[in-house]
Amino acid sequence: MVEALTLLVLPGMLLCGLLLHTVSRQEAAVEFRKKPNFIIILADDIGWGDIDANQPEGKTNNTPYLNLMAQQGLRLTDFHSPASTCSPSRAAILTGRYGLRNGVTHNFGVNSVAGLPLSEVTLSELLQKAGYYTAMIGKWHLGHNGPYSPTNRGFDYYLGIPYSNDMGCTDTPGYNLPPCLPCVSSEPQVIRLIRSGHGGCYSKVGLPLIENSSIVEQPLDLWTLTEQYKSAALRIIHNARARGQPYLLYIALAHMHVPLAPPLSPDARSAAHHPGDGVYAASLQEMDALVGAVKAASDDADKDNTLIWFTGDNGPWDQKCQYAGSVGPFTGKWQTDQGGGSAKRTTWEGGHRVPTVVYWPGRILANTTSSALLSGMDIFPTLLSLAGVTPPSDRRYDGIDAKAILLDRELTGHEFLFHPNSGAAGEFGDLQTVRAGRHKAFYITGGAEACGGGAGQQQLHDPPLIFDVEREEAEERPLQVDTPEYQAAAKRIARRREELLWDIATDKSVSTTDYSTDKSAAPCCDQRQAVCRCRTLV
């Protein structure tokens, strides 16, 4: 009887086990689908004052879709790019680490052999391993050669330009200062940068558009690039919904970096004497429309489960004059009075305080603002936390998890934030400026080239210049050294600066970047053609 009973019970136990296994798989699938989707939109060379939401009401109407996103989400008013030039900022966003740790302290070029060190772990790699579909559209600028390309750094799909949109010629150039000539059409491919008083133009290397690991167009058409990016983004969002798979979509826009190539009305095109205002405004409107299209597609596909984070890689490029954006009230007047620019390539507020909006319906309270001190480095730990992914424990991070600020309206951000030099004064990567609460200390100052060609001279400050940036948004008058406020701030800042420098010096996970160059590293689809000319219909 016992044996018979056992035979009767076992099939039931087996059935129960199968049912439990099926239920657990279903629960796991539901949990997998509940993982949030992430869309990071990174504007290039955008000023804090470029979006309407950061301007006095009614002053402009260039960014209605970003205005709507701010009304339906959270505007971060004290948010900073990790550096004030392209490559260091992007490396820090994707790794959560200062350039002195991840090794990327200045920009990569067309001929760069390497890129973001392979020892670094990216946000895309970690989310990809956690089951996310990962896609990138736009400017990479962290190495385009071999293992340094986006599809080898955690992205399942890539469409974009491997570096800045001015690092190569096009057949129909956009608006730049100085104006750049079209690509040569008959000479062999040669990389040459023609310099002038305001910058430089590449004349003999075509700007490539890359899909995954293939060049699909060289030189690309700047005037259709936005539409190509939009089409790819919408396709990725809709396909992810069809698969039921969470995704990371990183869109690194060409806007607002020169050359600008916006659709212009006949009136704007005919404004030959001073077309800059119309061109820049039209570019902002084109960028904003792209953001609006991405938001609309995301809302249609998975509105309550998708976080969109819009921010910038650094401030405007002063020397581009009418083709540069607005820093708002953060004019760096102390520096401009000394000569030179105070935006991109500097540690003045205009160089790194960037417009930032985060949107997640049902999770982030609508029409809110936060003055918490935050950085682009915080995107890395925040998104990983929301996805339930733990970063590797074998390295030190500088970003903080801002989830509570986004979702619970907590106010505490960074107690201290360090701003590295990226090209205007001092050594690349130097932590030459420190923010502590309302105080900001400059150990080194220097201006990047301004509109008109002036550049401020490097100056060392011992004791440092200290500004109260809440009282002095324009950074015009530093605190007097002999005041109690200065003495207390200087002591606190100096101690924390030394602690961070010591922490980096003793960090065994610091990476070293290979900045060597070689002509063969330049992307080229056909060296037999002038400017490596090719076009693939996709």
Protein backbone atom coordinates (compact mmCIF):
# COMPACT_ATOMS: atom_id res chain seq x y z
CA MET A 1 0.00 0.00 0.00
CA VAL A 2 2.83 2.40 0.82
CA GLU A 3 4.46 1.82 -2.54
CA ALA A 4 1.13 2.34 -4.31
CA LEU A 5 0.51 5.54 -2.36
CA THR A 6 3.95 6.77 -3.21
CA LEU A 7 3.30 6.18 -6.89
CA LEU A 8 0.06 8.13 -6.61
CA VAL A 9 1.64 11.06 -4.78
CA LEU A 10 4.76 11.52 -6.90
CA PRO A 11 2.96 12.56 -10.09
CA GLY A 12 1.05 15.15 -8.05
CA MET A 13 4.28 16.43 -6.56
CA LEU A 14 5.83 16.54 -10.00
CA LEU A 15 2.81 18.44 -11.37
CA CYS A 16 2.97 20.85 -8.44
CA GLY A 17 6.66 21.39 -9.08
CA LEU A 18 6.05 22.04 -12.74
CA LEU A 19 3.28 24.50 -11.89
CA LEU A 20 5.50 26.30 -9.39
CA HIS A 21 8.31 26.45 -11.95
CA THR A 22 5.93 27.83 -14.56
CA VAL A 23 4.58 30.44 -12.13
CA SER A 24 8.07 31.48 -11.09
CA ARG A 25 9.08 31.90 -14.74
CA GLN A 26 5.97 33.98 -15.37
CA GLU A 27 6.74 36.13 -12.32
CA ALA A 28 10.33 36.54 -13.51
CA ALA A 29 9.07 37.59 -16.93
CA VAL A 30 6.71 40.14 -15.37
CA GLU A 31 9.54 41.45 -13.18
CA PHE A 32 11.80 41.65 -16.25
CA ARG A 33 9.21 43.73 -18.06
CA LYS A 34 8.86 46.02 -15.05
CA LYS A 35 12.47 47.11 -15.21
CA PRO A 36 12.39 50.77 -16.23
CA ASN A 37 13.45 51.98 -19.65
CA PHE A 38 16.02 54.78 -19.80
CA ILE A 39 16.46 57.47 -22.43
CA ILE A 40 19.46 59.78 -21.99
CA ILE A 41 19.46 62.80 -24.30
CA LEU A 42 22.79 64.63 -24.25
CA ALA A 43 22.93 67.99 -26.03
CA ASP A 44 26.31 69.24 -27.23
CA ASP A 45 27.67 72.70 -26.31
CA ILE A 46 24.31 73.82 -24.93
CA GLY A 47 23.99 76.81 -22.62
CA TRP A 48 22.07 76.83 -19.34
CA GLY A 49 19.99 79.68 -20.74
CA ASP A 50 19.21 78.00 -24.04
CA ILE A 51 15.98 76.34 -22.89
CA ASP A 52 12.98 78.57 -22.29
CA ALA A 53 12.27 77.02 -18.88
CA ASN A 54 15.52 78.55 -17.59
CA GLN A 55 14.69 82.01 -18.94
CA PRO A 56 12.29 84.70 -17.68
CA GLU A 57 8.77 83.76 -18.76
CA GLY A 58 7.85 84.86 -22.25
CA LYS A 59 11.38 85.87 -23.30
CA THR A 60 11.71 83.21 -26.00
CA ASN A 61 9.72 80.35 -27.47
CA ASN A 62 12.41 78.10 -28.91
CA THR A 63 11.94 74.97 -26.79
CA PRO A 64 8.20 74.28 -26.28
CA TYR A 65 8.66 70.52 -26.02
CA LEU A 66 11.37 70.80 -23.37
CA ASN A 67 9.16 73.31 -21.59
CA LEU A 68 6.36 70.74 -21.56
CA MET A 69 8.74 68.06 -20.30
CA ALA A 70 9.79 70.39 -17.47
CA GLN A 71 6.14 71.10 -16.63
CA GLN A 72 5.45 67.38 -16.50
CA GLY A 73 8.70 66.51 -14.74
CA LEU A 74 11.63 67.85 -12.73
CA ARG A 75 13.95 70.70 -13.64
CA LEU A 76 17.40 70.51 -12.02
CA THR A 77 18.76 74.04 -11.69
CA ASP A 78 22.20 73.28 -10.19
CA PHE A 79 23.24 70.40 -12.44
CA HIS A 80 26.77 70.27 -13.89
CA SER A 81 28.54 68.47 -16.67
CA PRO A 82 31.48 66.45 -15.32
CA ALA A 83 33.91 68.44 -17.49
CA SER A 84 33.72 71.38 -19.86
CA THR A 85 34.79 69.60 -23.04
CA CYS A 86 33.38 66.68 -24.99
CA SER A 87 35.34 63.47 -24.38
CA PRO A 88 36.04 63.94 -20.63
CA SER A 89 32.40 64.78 -19.96
CA ARG A 90 31.07 61.76 -21.86
CA ALA A 91 33.57 59.38 -20.27
CA ALA A 92 32.56 60.52 -16.78
CA ILE A 93 28.84 60.20 -17.56
CA LEU A 94 29.26 56.59 -18.74
CA THR A 95 31.60 55.52 -15.90
CA GLY A 96 30.52 57.63 -12.92
CA ARG A 97 34.16 58.61 -12.36
CA TYR A 98 36.27 61.75 -12.69
CA GLY A 99 38.68 61.89 -15.60
CA LEU A 100 41.62 61.51 -13.21
CA ARG A 101 40.23 58.03 -12.46
CA ASN A 102 38.88 56.91 -15.84
CA GLY A 103 41.89 58.36 -17.69
CA VAL A 104 40.00 60.61 -20.14
CA THR A 105 41.15 64.17 -19.46
CA HIS A 106 40.93 65.76 -22.94
CA ASN A 107 39.44 65.13 -26.34
CA PHE A 108 40.14 62.37 -28.83
CA GLY A 109 40.76 63.25 -32.48
CA VAL A 110 40.15 61.91 -35.96
CA ASN A 111 43.53 60.12 -35.86
CA SER A 112 43.24 58.78 -32.29
CA VAL A 113 44.36 55.19 -32.03
CA ALA A 114 42.55 54.44 -28.76
CA GLY A 115 39.75 55.79 -26.58
CA LEU A 116 38.09 55.28 -23.21
CA PRO A 117 40.40 52.72 -21.54
CA LEU A 118 39.20 49.15 -21.87
CA SER A 119 39.70 48.72 -18.12
CA GLU A 120 36.73 51.04 -17.53
CA VAL A 121 33.23 49.59 -17.15
CA THR A 122 30.43 51.55 -18.82
CA LEU A 123 26.78 52.03 -17.90
CA SER A 124 25.79 50.38 -21.17
CA GLU A 125 27.88 47.27 -20.45
CA LEU A 126 26.30 46.80 -17.04
CA LEU A 127 22.74 47.28 -18.27
CA GLN A 128 23.39 45.04 -21.27
CA LYS A 129 24.50 42.25 -18.92
CA ALA A 130 21.35 42.82 -16.86
CA GLY A 131 19.16 42.04 -19.89
CA TYR A 132 18.65 45.49 -21.33
CA TYR A 133 18.66 46.24 -25.03
CA THR A 134 21.19 49.04 -25.38
CA ALA A 135 21.32 51.48 -28.28
CA MET A 136 23.21 54.67 -28.99
CA ILE A 137 22.53 57.39 -31.54
CA GLY A 138 24.83 60.33 -32.20
CA LYS A 139 28.24 61.54 -31.12
CA TRP A 140 30.46 58.98 -29.38
CA HIS A 141 33.86 60.72 -29.10
CA LEU A 142 35.37 58.02 -26.87
CA GLY A 143 37.40 56.17 -29.48
CA HIS A 144 36.32 54.83 -32.87
CA ASN A 145 39.10 52.37 -33.58
CA GLY A 146 38.58 48.61 -33.08
CA PRO A 147 37.61 47.67 -29.50
CA TYR A 148 36.93 51.30 -28.53
CA SER A 149 33.83 51.68 -30.71
CA PRO A 150 30.32 51.86 -29.14
CA THR A 151 29.29 48.33 -30.13
CA ASN A 152 32.33 47.03 -28.25
CA ARG A 153 31.52 49.09 -25.14
CA GLY A 154 28.08 47.71 -24.33
CA PHE A 155 25.80 49.00 -27.08
CA ASP A 156 23.83 46.51 -29.17
CA TYR A 157 23.23 49.14 -31.83
CA TYR A 158 24.95 52.35 -32.89
CA LEU A 159 24.20 55.04 -35.47
CA GLY A 160 26.14 58.28 -35.44
CA ILE A 161 29.32 60.29 -35.86
CA PRO A 162 32.37 58.92 -34.03
CA TYR A 163 33.43 62.40 -32.85
CA SER A 164 32.32 66.04 -33.19
CA ASN A 165 30.41 67.16 -36.26
CA ASP A 166 33.09 69.72 -37.13
CA MET A 167 35.85 67.08 -37.32
CA GLY A 168 35.44 66.43 -41.02
CA CYS A 169 34.19 68.15 -44.15
CA THR A 170 30.81 67.86 -45.83
CA ASP A 171 29.66 68.66 -49.35
CA THR A 172 27.17 71.24 -48.07
CA PRO A 173 28.70 72.81 -44.96
CA GLY A 174 26.57 74.18 -42.16
CA TYR A 175 26.94 77.50 -40.35
CA ASN A 176 30.27 77.90 -38.57
CA LEU A 177 32.78 80.56 -37.68
CA PRO A 178 34.92 80.68 -39.71
CA PRO A 179 32.78 79.41 -42.58
CA CYS A 180 34.14 76.07 -43.77
CA LEU A 181 34.55 75.11 -47.40
CA PRO A 182 32.98 72.00 -48.96
CA CYS A 183 35.01 68.82 -49.23
CA VAL A 184 37.54 68.64 -52.00
CA SER A 185 36.30 66.40 -54.79
CA SER A 186 39.33 65.36 -56.78
CA GLU A 187 42.39 65.04 -54.55
CA PRO A 188 43.44 61.87 -52.67
CA GLN A 189 42.27 61.52 -49.09
CA VAL A 190 44.53 63.53 -46.80
CA ILE A 191 43.74 64.67 -43.27
CA ARG A 192 44.39 68.36 -42.97
CA LEU A 193 43.10 70.91 -40.50
CA ILE A 194 43.14 74.42 -41.92
CA ARG A 195 43.41 76.91 -39.07
CA SER A 196 42.31 80.50 -38.92
CA GLY A 197 41.71 83.17 -36.30
CA HIS A 198 38.55 81.59 -34.90
CA GLY A 199 39.25 77.88 -35.05
CA GLY A 200 39.78 75.32 -37.80
CA CYS A 201 38.08 73.51 -40.66
CA TYR A 202 38.81 70.02 -41.93
CA SER A 203 38.93 70.20 -45.70
CA LYS A 204 40.14 66.81 -46.85
CA VAL A 205 38.59 64.16 -44.63
CA GLY A 206 34.90 63.44 -45.01
CA LEU A 207 32.68 63.36 -41.93
CA PRO A 208 31.50 59.74 -41.59
CA LEU A 209 28.13 58.36 -40.53
CA ILE A 210 28.62 54.97 -38.92
CA GLU A 211 26.03 52.25 -38.31
CA ASN A 212 27.32 49.61 -35.93
CA SER A 213 30.81 48.98 -37.33
CA SER A 214 30.27 50.13 -40.93
CA ILE A 215 30.56 53.52 -42.56
CA VAL A 216 27.26 54.05 -44.37
CA GLU A 217 27.87 57.56 -45.64
CA GLN A 218 31.03 59.65 -46.05
CA PRO A 219 30.84 62.59 -46.18
CA LEU A 220 27.46 62.62 -44.47
CA ASP A 221 24.71 65.14 -45.16
CA LEU A 222 24.44 67.45 -42.15
CA TRP A 223 21.07 68.74 -43.34
CA THR A 224 19.38 65.33 -43.07
CA LEU A 225 21.18 64.12 -39.95
CA THR A 226 18.47 65.13 -37.47
CA GLU A 227 15.82 63.24 -39.42
CA GLN A 228 18.01 60.14 -39.57
CA TYR A 229 18.58 60.30 -35.81
CA LYS A 230 14.86 60.76 -35.14
CA SER A 231 13.87 57.83 -37.36
CA ALA A 232 16.39 55.54 -35.67
CA ALA A 233 15.29 56.60 -32.18
CA LEU A 234 11.60 56.01 -32.88
CA ARG A 235 12.36 52.63 -34.45
CA ILE A 236 14.36 51.56 -31.38
CA ILE A 237 11.58 52.61 -28.99
CA HIS A 238 8.84 50.81 -30.95
CA ASN A 239 10.91 47.66 -31.45
CA ALA A 240 11.73 47.49 -27.75
CA ARG A 241 8.04 47.68 -26.93
CA ALA A 242 7.30 44.84 -29.37
CA ARG A 243 9.95 42.68 -27.69
CA GLY A 244 8.82 43.56 -24.17
CA GLN A 245 12.48 44.14 -23.27
CA PRO A 246 13.74 47.04 -21.14
CA TYR A 247 16.10 49.34 -22.97
CA LEU A 248 18.73 52.03 -22.63
CA LEU A 249 18.66 54.58 -25.44
CA TYR A 250 21.51 57.09 -25.35
CA ILE A 251 21.01 59.95 -27.82
CA ALA A 252 24.05 62.23 -28.07
CA LEU A 253 22.83 65.05 -30.28
CA ALA A 254 24.84 67.06 -32.80
CA HIS A 255 22.98 70.13 -31.51
CA MET A 256 24.16 72.71 -30.47
CA HIS A 257 27.70 72.11 -31.70
CA VAL A 258 28.81 73.90 -34.87
CA PRO A 259 28.39 73.55 -37.75
CA LEU A 260 24.69 74.26 -37.33
CA ALA A 261 22.48 72.98 -40.15
CA PRO A 262 18.88 73.81 -39.28
CA PRO A 263 15.90 74.14 -41.59
CA LEU A 264 15.50 77.87 -42.15
CA SER A 265 12.63 79.97 -43.37
CA PRO A 266 13.25 82.08 -46.51
CA ASP A 267 13.36 85.18 -44.31
CA ALA A 268 16.09 83.71 -42.12
CA ARG A 269 18.09 82.56 -45.12
CA SER A 270 17.99 86.03 -46.63
CA ALA A 271 19.27 87.70 -43.45
CA ALA A 272 22.78 87.79 -44.88
CA HIS A 273 24.09 90.65 -42.74
CA HIS A 274 23.52 88.94 -39.39
CA PRO A 275 22.04 85.47 -39.78
CA GLY A 276 23.34 84.15 -36.46
CA ASP A 277 20.29 84.78 -34.30
CA GLY A 278 17.97 83.11 -36.77
CA VAL A 279 20.33 80.18 -37.30
CA TYR A 280 20.84 79.47 -33.61
CA ALA A 281 17.16 79.83 -32.76
CA ALA A 282 16.22 77.53 -35.66
CA SER A 283 18.77 74.97 -34.43
CA LEU A 284 17.30 75.09 -30.92
CA GLN A 285 13.83 74.59 -32.37
CA GLU A 286 15.03 71.63 -34.45
CA MET A 287 16.69 70.06 -31.40
CA ASP A 288 13.57 70.64 -29.32
CA ALA A 289 11.34 69.05 -31.98
CA LEU A 290 13.56 65.96 -31.94
CA VAL A 291 13.25 65.76 -28.14
CA GLY A 292 9.48 66.15 -28.51
CA ALA A 293 9.28 63.31 -31.04
CA VAL A 294 11.28 60.98 -28.77
CA LYS A 295 9.10 61.88 -25.78
CA ALA A 296 5.88 61.32 -27.75
CA ALA A 297 7.07 57.91 -28.97
CA SER A 298 8.12 56.94 -25.46
CA ASP A 299 4.78 58.07 -24.03
CA ASP A 300 2.91 56.01 -26.62
CA ALA A 301 5.03 52.92 -26.05
CA ASP A 302 5.55 52.72 -22.27
CA LYS A 303 4.79 56.07 -20.65
CA ASP A 304 4.72 55.06 -17.00
CA ASN A 305 7.83 52.93 -17.18
CA THR A 306 10.31 55.18 -19.01
CA LEU A 307 12.64 57.78 -17.54
CA ILE A 308 13.92 60.49 -19.89
CA TRP A 309 16.97 62.48 -18.75
CA PHE A 310 17.88 65.52 -20.84
CA THR A 311 21.15 67.35 -20.11
CA GLY A 312 24.29 68.77 -21.77
CA ASP A 313 27.94 67.79 -22.11
CA ASN A 314 29.27 71.32 -21.41
CA GLY A 315 28.47 74.97 -21.93
CA PRO A 316 28.50 77.08 -25.10
CA TRP A 317 31.55 77.64 -27.29
CA ASP A 318 32.15 81.38 -26.79
CA GLN A 319 34.46 81.88 -29.73
CA LYS A 320 31.71 80.90 -32.18
CA CYS A 321 29.98 84.24 -31.49
CA GLN A 322 26.45 84.26 -32.93
CA TYR A 323 26.55 80.46 -33.26
CA ALA A 324 27.12 79.97 -29.50
CA GLY A 325 24.37 79.61 -26.91
CA SER A 326 23.39 81.48 -23.75
CA VAL A 327 24.87 80.89 -20.32
CA GLY A 328 21.96 82.74 -18.74
CA PRO A 329 23.07 84.64 -15.63
CA PHE A 330 26.30 82.59 -15.29
CA THR A 331 28.52 84.95 -17.22
CA GLY A 332 31.83 84.50 -15.36
CA LYS A 333 32.28 88.24 -15.27
CA TRP A 334 35.51 88.15 -13.25
CA GLN A 335 37.08 86.24 -16.14
CA THR A 336 35.53 88.22 -18.96
CA ASP A 337 36.78 91.41 -17.31
CA GLN A 338 40.27 89.85 -17.34
CA GLY A 339 39.86 88.87 -20.99
CA GLY A 340 38.83 85.60 -22.57
CA GLY A 341 35.72 83.47 -22.56
CA SER A 342 34.10 81.93 -19.51
CA ALA A 343 32.08 79.02 -20.92
CA LYS A 344 33.23 75.84 -22.70
CA ARG A 345 36.81 74.79 -21.83
CA THR A 346 36.70 76.67 -18.50
CA THR A 347 35.55 75.93 -14.96
CA TRP A 348 33.39 79.05 -14.72
CA GLU A 349 29.71 78.23 -14.23
CA GLY A 350 28.95 78.88 -17.88
CA GLY A 351 31.36 76.08 -18.82
CA HIS A 352 29.66 73.30 -16.89
CA ARG A 353 26.27 74.34 -15.43
CA VAL A 354 23.91 72.81 -18.00
CA PRO A 355 20.12 72.73 -18.51
CA THR A 356 18.69 69.50 -17.14
CA VAL A 357 15.18 68.04 -17.11
CA VAL A 358 14.16 64.57 -15.88
CA TYR A 359 10.77 63.14 -16.79
CA TRP A 360 9.04 59.99 -15.56
CA PRO A 361 5.22 60.16 -15.39
CA GLY A 362 3.77 58.75 -12.20
CA ARG A 363 7.18 58.48 -10.53
CA ILE A 364 8.63 62.00 -10.71
CA LEU A 365 6.32 64.73 -9.47
CA ALA A 366 5.25 67.08 -12.24
CA ASN A 367 6.20 70.76 -12.44
CA THR A 368 8.91 70.60 -9.79
CA THR A 369 12.40 72.01 -9.49
CA SER A 370 15.39 71.01 -7.40
CA SER A 371 18.45 73.05 -6.52
CA ALA A 372 20.36 69.97 -5.32
CA LEU A 373 24.00 70.06 -6.41
CA LEU A 374 24.31 67.26 -8.99
CA SER A 375 26.59 66.11 -11.80
CA GLY A 376 26.40 64.12 -15.01
CA MET A 377 28.44 61.48 -13.17
CA ASP A 378 25.33 60.80 -11.09
CA ILE A 379 23.48 59.35 -14.09
CA PHE A 380 25.60 56.17 -13.83
CA PRO A 381 24.77 55.18 -10.20
CA THR A 382 21.19 56.50 -10.38
CA LEU A 383 20.13 54.47 -13.40
CA LEU A 384 21.87 51.36 -12.11
CA SER A 385 20.06 51.75 -8.80
CA LEU A 386 16.69 52.12 -10.53
CA ALA A 387 17.46 49.01 -12.61
CA GLY A 388 18.51 47.01 -9.55
CA VAL A 389 22.05 46.57 -10.86
CA THR A 390 25.08 46.72 -8.57
CA PRO A 391 28.22 48.27 -10.11
CA PRO A 392 31.57 46.46 -9.79
CA SER A 393 33.07 46.79 -6.31
CA ASP A 394 36.68 46.78 -7.51
CA ARG A 395 36.77 50.53 -8.26
CA ARG A 396 35.91 53.86 -6.69
CA TYR A 397 33.13 56.07 -7.99
CA ASP A 398 32.51 59.81 -7.80
CA GLY A 399 28.85 59.97 -8.85
CA ILE A 400 26.07 59.66 -6.27
CA ASP A 401 22.74 57.84 -6.44
CA ALA A 402 20.22 60.67 -6.95
CA LYS A 403 17.16 58.40 -6.93
CA ALA A 404 15.76 59.98 -3.76
CA ILE A 405 16.14 63.46 -5.25
CA LEU A 406 14.27 62.43 -8.38
CA LEU A 407 11.51 60.35 -6.78
CA ASP A 408 11.18 61.57 -3.20
CA ARG A 409 12.11 65.25 -3.54
CA GLU A 410 15.06 64.99 -1.17
CA LEU A 411 17.36 68.00 -1.35
CA THR A 412 20.77 66.58 -0.53
CA GLY A 413 23.10 66.33 -3.49
CA HIS A 414 26.89 66.53 -3.52
CA GLU A 415 28.47 68.12 -0.48
CA PHE A 416 31.50 68.87 -2.65
CA LEU A 417 31.83 68.84 -6.43
CA PHE A 418 35.15 69.16 -8.24
CA HIS A 419 35.48 70.79 -11.65
CA PRO A 420 38.46 69.63 -13.73
CA ASN A 421 40.33 71.70 -16.25
CA SER A 422 39.64 70.58 -19.78
CA GLY A 423 41.77 72.84 -21.88
CA ALA A 424 41.87 76.56 -21.04
CA ALA A 425 44.42 76.70 -18.23
CA GLY A 426 46.68 74.30 -16.34
CA GLU A 427 47.21 70.61 -16.95
CA PHE A 428 44.40 68.53 -18.45
CA GLY A 429 42.24 67.00 -15.73
CA ASP A 430 43.52 69.16 -12.85
CA LEU A 431 40.86 69.55 -10.17
CA GLN A 432 41.40 73.26 -10.23
CA THR A 433 37.99 74.42 -8.99
CA VAL A 434 35.92 73.15 -6.07
CA ARG A 435 32.26 73.72 -5.24
CA ALA A 436 31.15 73.39 -1.60
CA GLY A 437 27.56 74.38 -0.96
CA ARG A 438 27.16 77.99 -1.99
CA HIS A 439 30.92 78.56 -2.21
CA LYS A 440 33.19 77.92 -5.17
CA ALA A 441 36.99 78.12 -5.00
CA PHE A 442 39.30 78.68 -7.97
CA TYR A 443 42.92 77.58 -7.60
CA ILE A 444 43.61 78.30 -11.28
CA THR A 445 41.79 80.63 -13.63
CA GLY A 446 42.09 81.26 -17.33
CA GLY A 447 39.71 82.05 -20.15
CA ALA A 448 39.10 80.12 -23.31
CA GLU A 449 39.12 82.10 -26.54
CA ALA A 450 36.22 84.53 -26.66
CA CYS A 451 34.28 85.90 -29.59
CA GLY A 452 36.70 88.30 -31.22
CA GLY A 453 39.79 86.29 -30.35
CA GLY A 454 40.74 87.44 -26.83
CA ALA A 455 41.89 84.80 -24.34
CA GLY A 456 42.50 85.24 -20.63
CA GLN A 457 45.91 84.39 -19.23
CA GLN A 458 46.37 81.54 -16.78
CA GLN A 459 46.59 82.71 -13.18
CA LEU A 460 47.40 80.69 -10.08
CA HIS A 461 45.58 81.69 -6.89
CA ASP A 462 47.06 81.01 -3.47
CA PRO A 463 44.93 81.59 -1.49
CA PRO A 464 42.18 80.66 -3.95
CA LEU A 465 39.50 82.96 -5.30
CA ILE A 466 36.22 82.10 -3.57
CA PHE A 467 32.79 83.18 -4.82
CA ASP A 468 29.38 82.84 -3.24
CA VAL A 469 27.58 81.52 -6.32
CA GLU A 470 24.14 81.91 -4.77
CA ARG A 471 24.74 85.60 -4.18
CA GLU A 472 27.08 86.08 -7.17
CA GLU A 473 25.68 84.04 -10.08
CA ALA A 474 27.81 86.06 -12.47
CA GLU A 475 30.98 85.22 -10.48
CA GLU A 476 32.07 88.83 -10.56
CA ARG A 477 33.29 89.75 -7.06
CA PRO A 478 35.13 87.14 -4.96
CA LEU A 479 34.93 87.13 -1.18
CA GLN A 480 37.48 89.20 0.72
CA VAL A 481 40.23 86.96 2.07
CA ASP A 482 40.16 88.47 5.55
CA THR A 483 36.45 87.79 6.20
CA PRO A 484 35.25 84.95 8.49
CA GLU A 485 33.11 83.61 5.65
CA TYR A 486 36.14 83.27 3.38
CA GLN A 487 38.33 81.71 6.06
CA ALA A 488 35.75 79.07 6.99
CA ALA A 489 35.01 78.17 3.36
CA ALA A 490 38.70 78.05 2.38
CA LYS A 491 39.57 75.72 5.25
CA ARG A 492 36.71 73.33 4.52
CA ILE A 493 37.38 73.27 0.77
CA ALA A 494 41.15 72.80 1.08
CA ARG A 495 40.69 69.81 3.37
CA ARG A 496 38.23 68.06 1.07
CA ARG A 497 40.30 68.83 -2.01
CA GLU A 498 43.36 67.23 -0.46
CA GLU A 499 41.30 64.22 0.64
CA LEU A 500 40.05 63.64 -2.90
CA LEU A 501 43.49 64.06 -4.46
CA TRP A 502 44.88 61.56 -1.96
CA ASP A 503 41.99 59.18 -2.66
CA ILE A 504 42.73 59.30 -6.39
CA ALA A 505 46.48 58.93 -5.80
CA THR A 506 45.88 55.74 -3.79
CA ASP A 507 43.15 54.36 -6.06
CA LYS A 508 44.35 51.09 -7.62
CA SER A 509 41.60 51.22 -10.24
CA VAL A 510 42.83 54.38 -11.98
CA SER A 511 43.01 53.92 -15.76
CA THR A 512 45.54 55.33 -18.21
CA THR A 513 44.51 56.57 -21.64
CA ASP A 514 46.52 56.14 -24.81
CA TYR A 515 46.30 59.47 -26.63
CA SER A 516 48.61 58.48 -29.48
CA THR A 517 47.57 59.13 -33.07
CA ASP A 518 48.09 57.51 -36.45
CA LYS A 519 46.75 58.49 -39.86
CA SER A 520 45.50 54.96 -40.45
CA ALA A 521 43.13 55.32 -37.48
CA ALA A 522 40.96 57.86 -39.34
CA PRO A 523 37.65 56.33 -40.47
CA CYS A 524 37.75 55.81 -44.23
CA CYS A 525 35.38 53.80 -46.38
CA ASP A 526 37.42 53.96 -49.58
CA GLN A 527 40.92 55.46 -49.64
CA ARG A 528 40.91 55.52 -53.43
CA GLN A 529 38.22 58.21 -53.36
CA ALA A 530 38.65 61.85 -52.42
CA VAL A 531 37.65 62.35 -48.75
CA CYS A 532 36.96 58.59 -48.63
CA ARG A 533 33.72 59.10 -50.50
CA CYS A 534 30.99 56.47 -50.23
CA ARG A 535 27.28 56.12 -49.68
CA THR A 536 25.32 53.02 -48.75
CA LEU A 537 21.55 53.01 -49.10
CA VAL A 538 19.93 51.58 -45.96
